[in-house]
Amino acid sequence: MKGFFDTIPAALDESAYLDGCTKWQTFTKITLPLSRPVLTYTVLTAFIGPWVDFIVASVIMKDNYNNYTIAVGLFQMLSRENVNQWYTAFTAGAVLVSIPIATLFILMQNNYVEGVTGGSVKG
């Protein structure tokens, strides 16, 4: 993120100060709108990370079935002895887990694409 903030020209802040903006106004009117792509990326990765946490949780929880995370619980439904009994519950759980992630991504997609393509060479 620091690398992204370093690309925001300091001249914009300085000109806003000369025009009479306070530091808060400069932050809210210039810095935040320009940093929207990197903030979107951070929100998406911070939200998706805990949802897909599987390896660490499965190692720590081992056989403690009462405290499984969503990923570990869903994976246990697909074990050889449980797959016939729990497959429909697994698919329902997988869809329910994916809905918030997909919704968040769709809502923030314009900002994300803008940030990914913002530094590319066009033309």
C-alpha atoms as a PDB file:
ATOM      1  CA  MET A   1       0.000   0.000   0.000  1.00  0.00           C
ATOM      2  CA  LYS A   2       2.826   2.371   0.746  1.00  0.00           C
ATOM      3  CA  GLY A   3       4.059   2.009  -2.810  1.00  0.00           C
ATOM      4  CA  PHE A   4       0.633   2.982  -4.096  1.00  0.00           C
ATOM      5  CA  PHE A   5       0.409   6.017  -1.820  1.00  0.00           C
ATOM      6  CA  ASP A   6       3.842   7.117  -2.983  1.00  0.00           C
ATOM      7  CA  THR A   7       2.490   7.364  -6.549  1.00  0.00           C
ATOM      8  CA  ILE A   8      -0.104   9.968  -5.560  1.00  0.00           C
ATOM      9  CA  PRO A   9       1.466  13.299  -6.525  1.00  0.00           C
ATOM     10  CA  ALA A  10       2.324  15.522  -3.569  1.00  0.00           C
ATOM     11  CA  ALA A  11       1.573  18.513  -5.766  1.00  0.00           C
ATOM     12  CA  LEU A  12      -2.139  17.763  -5.436  1.00  0.00           C
ATOM     13  CA  ASP A  13      -1.960  18.060  -1.653  1.00  0.00           C
ATOM     14  CA  GLU A  14       0.153  21.197  -1.829  1.00  0.00           C
ATOM     15  CA  SER A  15      -2.191  22.891  -4.270  1.00  0.00           C
ATOM     16  CA  ALA A  16      -5.167  21.998  -2.069  1.00  0.00           C
ATOM     17  CA  TYR A  17      -3.407  23.563   0.926  1.00  0.00           C
ATOM     18  CA  LEU A  18      -2.769  26.714  -1.105  1.00  0.00           C
ATOM     19  CA  ASP A  19      -6.450  26.839  -2.023  1.00  0.00           C
ATOM     20  CA  GLY A  20      -7.353  26.775   1.675  1.00  0.00           C
ATOM     21  CA  CYS A  21      -8.134  23.100   2.361  1.00  0.00           C
ATOM     22  CA  THR A  22      -7.432  21.645   5.751  1.00  0.00           C
ATOM     23  CA  LYS A  23      -5.536  18.372   6.116  1.00  0.00           C
ATOM     24  CA  TRP A  24      -8.791  16.504   6.706  1.00  0.00           C
ATOM     25  CA  GLN A  25     -10.406  17.989   3.592  1.00  0.00           C
ATOM     26  CA  THR A  26      -7.344  17.104   1.546  1.00  0.00           C
ATOM     27  CA  PHE A  27      -7.450  13.548   2.853  1.00  0.00           C
ATOM     28  CA  THR A  28     -11.175  13.065   2.206  1.00  0.00           C
ATOM     29  CA  LYS A  29     -11.412  14.928  -1.118  1.00  0.00           C
ATOM     30  CA  ILE A  30      -8.102  13.976  -2.768  1.00  0.00           C
ATOM     31  CA  THR A  31      -6.280  11.098  -1.086  1.00  0.00           C
ATOM     32  CA  LEU A  32      -9.221   8.760  -0.422  1.00  0.00           C
ATOM     33  CA  PRO A  33     -10.741   8.968  -3.924  1.00  0.00           C
ATOM     34  CA  LEU A  34      -7.332   8.386  -5.516  1.00  0.00           C
ATOM     35  CA  SER A  35      -6.604   5.438  -3.226  1.00  0.00           C
ATOM     36  CA  ARG A  36      -9.937   3.706  -3.851  1.00  0.00           C
ATOM     37  CA  PRO A  37      -8.431   0.891  -6.002  1.00  0.00           C
ATOM     38  CA  VAL A  38      -5.858  -0.179  -3.415  1.00  0.00           C
ATOM     39  CA  LEU A  39      -8.394   0.082  -0.606  1.00  0.00           C
ATOM     40  CA  THR A  40     -10.769  -2.131  -2.598  1.00  0.00           C
ATOM     41  CA  TYR A  41      -8.043  -4.717  -3.089  1.00  0.00           C
ATOM     42  CA  THR A  42      -7.236  -4.637   0.627  1.00  0.00           C
ATOM     43  CA  VAL A  43     -10.889  -5.077   1.610  1.00  0.00           C
ATOM     44  CA  LEU A  44     -11.324  -8.008  -0.783  1.00  0.00           C
ATOM     45  CA  THR A  45      -8.223  -9.848   0.369  1.00  0.00           C
ATOM     46  CA  ALA A  46      -8.900  -9.149   4.048  1.00  0.00           C
ATOM     47  CA  PHE A  47     -12.449 -10.475   3.703  1.00  0.00           C
ATOM     48  CA  ILE A  48     -11.605 -13.545   1.636  1.00  0.00           C
ATOM     49  CA  GLY A  49      -8.608 -14.588   3.753  1.00  0.00           C
ATOM     50  CA  PRO A  50     -10.488 -15.830   6.830  1.00  0.00           C
ATOM     51  CA  TRP A  51     -13.098 -17.568   4.701  1.00  0.00           C
ATOM     52  CA  VAL A  52     -10.544 -19.706   2.916  1.00  0.00           C
ATOM     53  CA  ASP A  53      -8.432 -20.436   5.967  1.00  0.00           C
ATOM     54  CA  PHE A  54      -8.143 -24.187   5.922  1.00  0.00           C
ATOM     55  CA  ILE A  55      -4.674 -25.585   6.484  1.00  0.00           C
ATOM     56  CA  VAL A  56      -3.845 -23.830   9.750  1.00  0.00           C
ATOM     57  CA  ALA A  57      -7.327 -24.463  11.161  1.00  0.00           C
ATOM     58  CA  SER A  58      -7.280 -28.147  10.249  1.00  0.00           C
ATOM     59  CA  VAL A  59      -3.871 -28.617  11.882  1.00  0.00           C
ATOM     60  CA  ILE A  60      -4.850 -26.783  15.063  1.00  0.00           C
ATOM     61  CA  MET A  61      -8.350 -28.280  15.460  1.00  0.00           C
ATOM     62  CA  LYS A  62      -7.491 -31.896  14.569  1.00  0.00           C
ATOM     63  CA  ASP A  63     -10.421 -33.908  15.998  1.00  0.00           C
ATOM     64  CA  ASN A  64     -12.223 -31.166  17.930  1.00  0.00           C
ATOM     65  CA  TYR A  65     -15.459 -31.280  15.910  1.00  0.00           C
ATOM     66  CA  ASN A  66     -17.228 -28.632  17.976  1.00  0.00           C
ATOM     67  CA  ASN A  67     -14.802 -25.859  17.033  1.00  0.00           C
ATOM     68  CA  TYR A  68     -14.260 -26.465  13.312  1.00  0.00           C
ATOM     69  CA  THR A  69     -14.036 -23.511  10.979  1.00  0.00           C
ATOM     70  CA  ILE A  70     -16.332 -23.398   7.974  1.00  0.00           C
ATOM     71  CA  ALA A  71     -13.661 -24.659   5.583  1.00  0.00           C
ATOM     72  CA  VAL A  72     -12.629 -27.573   7.786  1.00  0.00           C
ATOM     73  CA  GLY A  73     -16.240 -28.507   8.557  1.00  0.00           C
ATOM     74  CA  LEU A  74     -17.162 -28.532   4.884  1.00  0.00           C
ATOM     75  CA  PHE A  75     -14.098 -30.596   4.043  1.00  0.00           C
ATOM     76  CA  GLN A  76     -15.003 -33.158   6.706  1.00  0.00           C
ATOM     77  CA  MET A  77     -18.411 -33.579   5.053  1.00  0.00           C
ATOM     78  CA  LEU A  78     -16.628 -34.929   1.975  1.00  0.00           C
ATOM     79  CA  SER A  79     -14.683 -37.652   3.754  1.00  0.00           C
ATOM     80  CA  ARG A  80     -15.195 -41.167   2.427  1.00  0.00           C
ATOM     81  CA  GLU A  81     -17.577 -42.226   5.186  1.00  0.00           C
ATOM     82  CA  ASN A  82     -19.640 -38.998   5.169  1.00  0.00           C
ATOM     83  CA  VAL A  83     -19.902 -38.111   1.488  1.00  0.00           C
ATOM     84  CA  ASN A  84     -23.151 -39.971   0.777  1.00  0.00           C
ATOM     85  CA  GLN A  85     -24.894 -38.603   3.845  1.00  0.00           C
ATOM     86  CA  TRP A  86     -23.633 -34.997   3.801  1.00  0.00           C
ATOM     87  CA  TYR A  87     -23.050 -34.122   0.124  1.00  0.00           C
ATOM     88  CA  THR A  88     -26.196 -32.003  -0.285  1.00  0.00           C
ATOM     89  CA  ALA A  89     -25.469 -30.187   2.978  1.00  0.00           C
ATOM     90  CA  PHE A  90     -21.918 -29.621   1.750  1.00  0.00           C
ATOM     91  CA  THR A  91     -23.093 -28.042  -1.505  1.00  0.00           C
ATOM     92  CA  ALA A  92     -25.573 -25.831   0.339  1.00  0.00           C
ATOM     93  CA  GLY A  93     -22.848 -24.739   2.755  1.00  0.00           C
ATOM     94  CA  ALA A  94     -20.417 -24.051  -0.090  1.00  0.00           C
ATOM     95  CA  VAL A  95     -22.985 -21.859  -1.850  1.00  0.00           C
ATOM     96  CA  LEU A  96     -23.778 -19.973   1.365  1.00  0.00           C
ATOM     97  CA  VAL A  97     -20.081 -19.347   1.971  1.00  0.00           C
ATOM     98  CA  SER A  98     -19.547 -18.067  -1.567  1.00  0.00           C
ATOM     99  CA  ILE A  99     -22.482 -15.626  -1.603  1.00  0.00           C
ATOM    100  CA  PRO A 100     -20.907 -12.879   0.590  1.00  0.00           C
ATOM    101  CA  ILE A 101     -17.586 -13.138  -1.237  1.00  0.00           C
ATOM    102  CA  ALA A 102     -19.194 -12.965  -4.672  1.00  0.00           C
ATOM    103  CA  THR A 103     -21.463 -10.101  -3.622  1.00  0.00           C
ATOM    104  CA  LEU A 104     -18.565  -8.102  -2.231  1.00  0.00           C
ATOM    105  CA  PHE A 105     -16.506  -8.733  -5.359  1.00  0.00           C
ATOM    106  CA  ILE A 106     -19.345  -7.685  -7.682  1.00  0.00           C
ATOM    107  CA  LEU A 107     -19.972  -4.497  -5.705  1.00  0.00           C
ATOM    108  CA  MET A 108     -16.289  -3.560  -5.687  1.00  0.00           C
ATOM    109  CA  GLN A 109     -15.324  -4.855  -9.136  1.00  0.00           C
ATOM    110  CA  ASN A 110     -15.173  -1.444 -10.841  1.00  0.00           C
ATOM    111  CA  ASN A 111     -12.737  -0.136  -8.239  1.00  0.00           C
ATOM    112  CA  TYR A 112     -10.653  -3.314  -8.420  1.00  0.00           C
ATOM    113  CA  VAL A 113     -10.364  -3.299 -12.207  1.00  0.00           C
ATOM    114  CA  GLU A 114      -9.497   0.389 -12.139  1.00  0.00           C
ATOM    115  CA  GLY A 115      -6.673  -0.313  -9.704  1.00  0.00           C
ATOM    116  CA  VAL A 116      -5.334  -3.299 -11.612  1.00  0.00           C
ATOM    117  CA  THR A 117      -5.302  -1.491 -14.966  1.00  0.00           C
ATOM    118  CA  GLY A 118      -4.476   1.957 -13.618  1.00  0.00           C
ATOM    119  CA  GLY A 119      -0.730   1.540 -13.919  1.00  0.00           C
ATOM    120  CA  SER A 120      -0.730  -0.204 -17.289  1.00  0.00           C
ATOM    121  CA  VAL A 121       0.405   1.367 -20.521  1.00  0.00           C
ATOM    122  CA  LYS A 122      -2.519   2.168 -22.761  1.00  0.00           C
ATOM    123  CA  GLY A 123      -2.574   2.675 -26.489  1.00  0.00           C
END
